[in-house]
Amino acid sequence: MSKRRLSRLVIVLPLVLAAGCAGKITPQQALVEEAFEVCRSQGPSARLDRVDRDGLFSVVGRETDANRVHDCMVRYAQPTPRRQAAPPAAPVPAPTPARTPQPETLMASRLPGTWRGTLKIPPRAAGEAEIASPALLRFDVSAGSLRWSLAAGANAPGLAADGTAVVVDGELRMTGTVRTAGARPPSAEPPRSSVTVRYAGTMVGDRLEVTGVTTDKQVHVLSIRRVVE
């Protein structure tokens, strides 16, 4: 009866289990035995001959069987994705919300110059439509005070007003007189030569947003930007 040559392989597996586990066998020995149980079907004649406490072990059996089990156990001991937790998926960035311009602190020194935009006059009665027309507002410093003048309307006579302005706690306050009232079609009521108007405004982004009310209850809404001069 012929004898079959057995191959003895000695390999050291990486220590991938944490130390400190109390018991009769070390974590390294437990890993070797686990690897052998998984891989033993690769070589039916292969068996574990010795497993030391530091993980050193030997596999014996037919050469081809021992080689296959050896290779399988080495692969099993490597930190492959099968033995590692899947990395967390990269977070999907939330869509950036559209930035809404916020009111800014207004300083009187920013006002002198020309501002251009739109004047809107909302309807005051049923059947009337909102009027929107180009507007030009200018601020000047005269005799130590801030003055303003407004011209609006695509066609003459349009609307013209002027007065004085101050900035209080970051808010623009304007008072003055509207001298002509041609921004609305003539009505059956007799026209007034002039009315008083009060405005309040703030900076929103690069726009100056101003709302005013005249003594005859007409609302003015100005949205203007500085003209580069």
Protein backbone atom coordinates (compact mmCIF):
# COMPACT_ATOMS: atom_id res chain seq x y z
CA MET A 1 0.00 0.00 0.00
CA SER A 2 1.61 3.21 -1.16
CA LYS A 3 1.90 6.18 1.05
CA ARG A 4 0.62 9.57 -0.09
CA ARG A 5 2.92 12.50 0.45
CA LEU A 6 1.42 15.08 2.83
CA SER A 7 2.34 18.70 2.64
CA ARG A 8 2.63 20.74 5.79
CA LEU A 9 1.92 24.46 5.36
CA VAL A 10 2.59 26.99 8.08
CA ILE A 11 1.08 30.50 7.69
CA VAL A 12 0.44 33.43 9.98
CA LEU A 13 -2.95 35.12 9.60
CA PRO A 14 -3.45 38.84 10.31
CA LEU A 15 -4.90 39.60 13.72
CA VAL A 16 -8.25 41.07 12.74
CA LEU A 17 -10.18 40.32 15.92
CA ALA A 18 -9.87 42.56 18.95
CA ALA A 19 -7.90 41.22 21.91
CA GLY A 20 -9.32 41.01 25.38
CA CYS A 21 -11.93 38.28 24.82
CA ALA A 22 -11.94 36.03 27.86
CA GLY A 23 -12.01 32.24 27.20
CA LYS A 24 -9.92 29.11 26.71
CA ILE A 25 -8.74 30.09 23.24
CA THR A 26 -7.31 33.35 22.02
CA PRO A 27 -9.00 35.48 19.39
CA GLN A 28 -6.22 34.50 16.97
CA GLN A 29 -6.95 30.81 17.50
CA ALA A 30 -10.68 31.42 17.12
CA LEU A 31 -10.08 33.18 13.81
CA VAL A 32 -7.94 30.31 12.51
CA GLU A 33 -10.59 27.74 13.42
CA GLU A 34 -13.32 29.89 11.87
CA ALA A 35 -11.30 30.21 8.66
CA PHE A 36 -10.71 26.46 8.54
CA GLU A 37 -14.41 25.65 9.01
CA VAL A 38 -15.24 27.94 6.12
CA CYS A 39 -12.48 26.63 3.82
CA ARG A 40 -12.23 22.91 4.68
CA SER A 41 -14.52 21.93 1.79
CA GLN A 42 -11.84 23.23 -0.62
CA GLY A 43 -9.63 20.22 0.27
CA PRO A 44 -11.35 17.16 1.80
CA SER A 45 -8.05 15.63 2.95
CA ALA A 46 -6.75 18.80 4.61
CA ARG A 47 -6.89 19.21 8.36
CA LEU A 48 -5.56 21.54 11.01
CA ASP A 49 -2.52 19.99 12.63
CA ARG A 50 -1.70 22.68 15.17
CA VAL A 51 -3.04 26.12 16.19
CA ASP A 52 -0.86 28.15 18.53
CA ARG A 53 -2.19 30.90 20.80
CA ASP A 54 -0.53 33.59 18.68
CA GLY A 55 -2.33 32.38 15.52
CA LEU A 56 0.50 30.28 14.08
CA PHE A 57 -0.96 27.07 12.62
CA SER A 58 -0.20 24.22 10.30
CA VAL A 59 -2.38 22.51 7.69
CA VAL A 60 -1.63 18.96 6.53
CA GLY A 61 -3.12 16.87 3.76
CA ARG A 62 -2.68 16.12 0.09
CA GLU A 63 -0.65 18.83 -1.56
CA THR A 64 -3.43 20.15 -3.82
CA ASP A 65 -6.01 20.00 -1.03
CA ALA A 66 -3.69 21.69 1.47
CA ASN A 67 -2.84 24.44 -1.03
CA ARG A 68 -6.50 25.18 -1.76
CA VAL A 69 -7.44 25.31 1.92
CA HIS A 70 -4.39 27.44 2.66
CA ASP A 71 -5.23 29.97 -0.04
CA CYS A 72 -8.86 30.08 1.04
CA MET A 73 -7.93 30.70 4.68
CA VAL A 74 -5.55 33.49 3.72
CA ARG A 75 -8.28 35.18 1.67
CA TYR A 76 -10.74 34.76 4.53
CA ALA A 77 -8.40 36.47 6.96
CA GLN A 78 -7.88 39.51 4.73
CA PRO A 79 -10.03 42.64 5.41
CA THR A 80 -12.22 42.16 2.36
CA PRO A 81 -15.54 43.98 1.88
CA ARG A 82 -17.29 40.69 2.82
CA ARG A 83 -15.89 40.93 6.35
CA GLN A 84 -16.07 44.70 6.74
CA ALA A 85 -19.08 46.85 7.28
CA ALA A 86 -20.05 48.69 4.15
CA PRO A 87 -18.86 52.30 4.26
CA PRO A 88 -21.62 54.80 4.84
CA ALA A 89 -23.04 56.26 1.69
CA ALA A 90 -21.92 59.76 0.96
CA PRO A 91 -24.63 62.17 2.07
CA VAL A 92 -26.60 63.71 -0.73
CA PRO A 93 -26.25 67.46 -0.41
CA ALA A 94 -29.54 69.18 0.18
CA PRO A 95 -30.54 71.62 -2.53
CA THR A 96 -29.42 75.12 -1.72
CA PRO A 97 -32.47 77.26 -1.13
CA ALA A 98 -32.74 80.41 -3.15
CA ARG A 99 -31.28 83.24 -1.12
CA THR A 100 -33.81 85.87 -0.26
CA PRO A 101 -32.20 89.30 0.10
CA GLN A 102 -32.49 90.56 3.65
CA PRO A 103 -32.92 94.18 4.72
CA GLU A 104 -29.62 95.91 5.35
CA THR A 105 -28.70 98.77 7.63
CA LEU A 106 -29.09 101.94 5.60
CA MET A 107 -26.74 104.87 6.08
CA ALA A 108 -27.48 108.39 4.91
CA SER A 109 -24.05 108.59 3.27
CA ARG A 110 -25.14 105.93 0.74
CA LEU A 111 -28.08 107.91 -0.56
CA PRO A 112 -26.76 110.97 -2.47
CA GLY A 113 -26.97 110.37 -6.20
CA THR A 114 -29.50 109.13 -8.72
CA TRP A 115 -31.72 106.08 -8.29
CA ARG A 116 -33.82 104.60 -11.08
CA GLY A 117 -36.59 102.02 -11.05
CA THR A 118 -40.36 101.70 -10.95
CA LEU A 119 -43.21 103.50 -9.16
CA LYS A 120 -46.38 101.48 -8.62
CA ILE A 121 -49.70 102.98 -7.54
CA PRO A 122 -52.17 100.31 -6.42
CA PRO A 123 -55.87 100.83 -7.22
CA ARG A 124 -57.92 102.65 -4.60
CA ALA A 125 -61.34 101.60 -5.84
CA ALA A 126 -62.99 98.73 -7.69
CA GLY A 127 -62.54 98.92 -11.43
CA GLU A 128 -59.22 100.72 -11.24
CA ALA A 129 -55.99 99.07 -12.35
CA GLU A 130 -52.56 99.29 -10.83
CA ILE A 131 -50.36 101.88 -12.46
CA ALA A 132 -46.66 101.16 -12.94
CA SER A 133 -44.36 103.75 -14.43
CA PRO A 134 -40.62 104.46 -14.63
CA ALA A 135 -39.33 106.54 -11.76
CA LEU A 136 -36.24 108.63 -11.13
CA LEU A 137 -35.34 109.59 -7.56
CA ARG A 138 -32.43 111.86 -6.71
CA PHE A 139 -30.87 112.65 -3.33
CA ASP A 140 -28.73 115.74 -2.76
CA VAL A 141 -27.18 117.36 0.29
CA SER A 142 -28.11 121.03 0.58
CA ALA A 143 -27.30 123.33 3.50
CA GLY A 144 -26.50 120.35 5.68
CA SER A 145 -29.79 118.52 5.01
CA LEU A 146 -30.64 115.64 2.73
CA ARG A 147 -33.16 116.55 0.04
CA TRP A 148 -34.90 114.38 -2.53
CA SER A 149 -36.78 114.87 -5.77
CA LEU A 150 -38.93 112.32 -7.60
CA ALA A 151 -40.13 112.25 -11.20
CA ALA A 152 -42.33 109.40 -12.42
CA GLY A 153 -44.53 108.63 -15.42
CA ALA A 154 -43.84 107.70 -18.99
CA ASN A 155 -45.63 110.77 -20.30
CA ALA A 156 -46.00 114.35 -19.06
CA PRO A 157 -47.21 115.66 -16.74
CA GLY A 158 -46.62 112.43 -14.76
CA LEU A 159 -45.90 112.70 -11.06
CA ALA A 160 -43.39 115.04 -9.45
CA ALA A 161 -42.52 115.38 -5.79
CA ASP A 162 -39.75 116.65 -3.56
CA GLY A 163 -38.91 117.18 0.08
CA THR A 164 -36.43 116.32 2.83
CA ALA A 165 -35.11 112.96 4.05
CA VAL A 166 -33.51 111.51 7.17
CA VAL A 167 -32.27 108.07 8.15
CA VAL A 168 -33.46 106.88 11.57
CA ASP A 169 -32.34 103.50 12.95
CA GLY A 170 -31.40 102.32 9.46
CA GLU A 171 -34.76 103.33 7.95
CA LEU A 172 -35.21 106.02 5.33
CA ARG A 173 -37.93 108.53 6.09
CA MET A 174 -38.98 111.06 3.47
CA THR A 175 -41.55 113.83 3.69
CA GLY A 176 -42.55 116.23 0.97
CA THR A 177 -45.14 117.41 -1.48
CA VAL A 178 -46.52 115.87 -4.64
CA ARG A 179 -47.00 118.89 -6.91
CA THR A 180 -48.80 117.29 -9.84
CA ALA A 181 -51.09 114.26 -9.97
CA GLY A 182 -51.14 113.19 -13.56
CA ALA A 183 -50.21 109.58 -12.85
CA ARG A 184 -53.91 108.65 -12.86
CA PRO A 185 -56.47 109.46 -15.55
CA PRO A 186 -58.56 112.51 -14.71
CA SER A 187 -61.72 111.75 -12.72
CA ALA A 188 -64.88 113.63 -11.92
CA GLU A 189 -63.27 114.92 -8.72
CA PRO A 190 -61.57 118.29 -8.96
CA PRO A 191 -57.79 117.87 -9.08
CA ARG A 192 -55.66 119.03 -6.18
CA SER A 193 -52.61 121.12 -6.96
CA SER A 194 -50.50 119.42 -4.30
CA VAL A 195 -50.70 116.88 -1.49
CA THR A 196 -48.32 115.88 1.26
CA VAL A 197 -46.59 112.53 1.10
CA ARG A 198 -44.62 110.47 3.63
CA TYR A 199 -42.30 107.67 2.61
CA ALA A 200 -40.42 104.96 4.53
CA GLY A 201 -37.79 102.75 2.93
CA THR A 202 -35.06 100.17 3.52
CA MET A 203 -32.20 98.66 1.55
CA VAL A 204 -32.86 95.08 0.34
CA GLY A 205 -29.79 93.75 -1.47
CA ASP A 206 -28.90 96.48 -3.97
CA ARG A 207 -32.44 97.86 -4.13
CA LEU A 208 -34.03 100.67 -2.20
CA GLU A 209 -37.61 99.67 -1.40
CA VAL A 210 -39.81 102.62 -0.46
CA THR A 211 -43.51 102.82 0.40
CA GLY A 212 -45.43 106.05 0.86
CA VAL A 213 -48.93 107.37 1.45
CA THR A 214 -50.28 110.75 0.42
CA THR A 215 -52.76 112.79 2.44
CA ASP A 216 -55.47 111.79 -0.04
CA LYS A 217 -54.78 108.07 0.67
CA GLN A 218 -52.87 107.30 -2.50
CA VAL A 219 -50.21 104.60 -2.00
CA HIS A 220 -46.82 104.82 -3.73
CA VAL A 221 -44.48 101.82 -3.96
CA LEU A 222 -40.95 102.53 -5.22
CA SER A 223 -38.36 99.89 -6.14
CA ILE A 224 -35.16 101.53 -7.34
CA ARG A 225 -31.45 100.94 -7.80
CA ARG A 226 -28.57 103.37 -7.82
CA VAL A 227 -27.49 104.64 -11.22
CA VAL A 228 -23.72 104.44 -11.79
CA GLU A 229 -22.65 108.00 -12.45
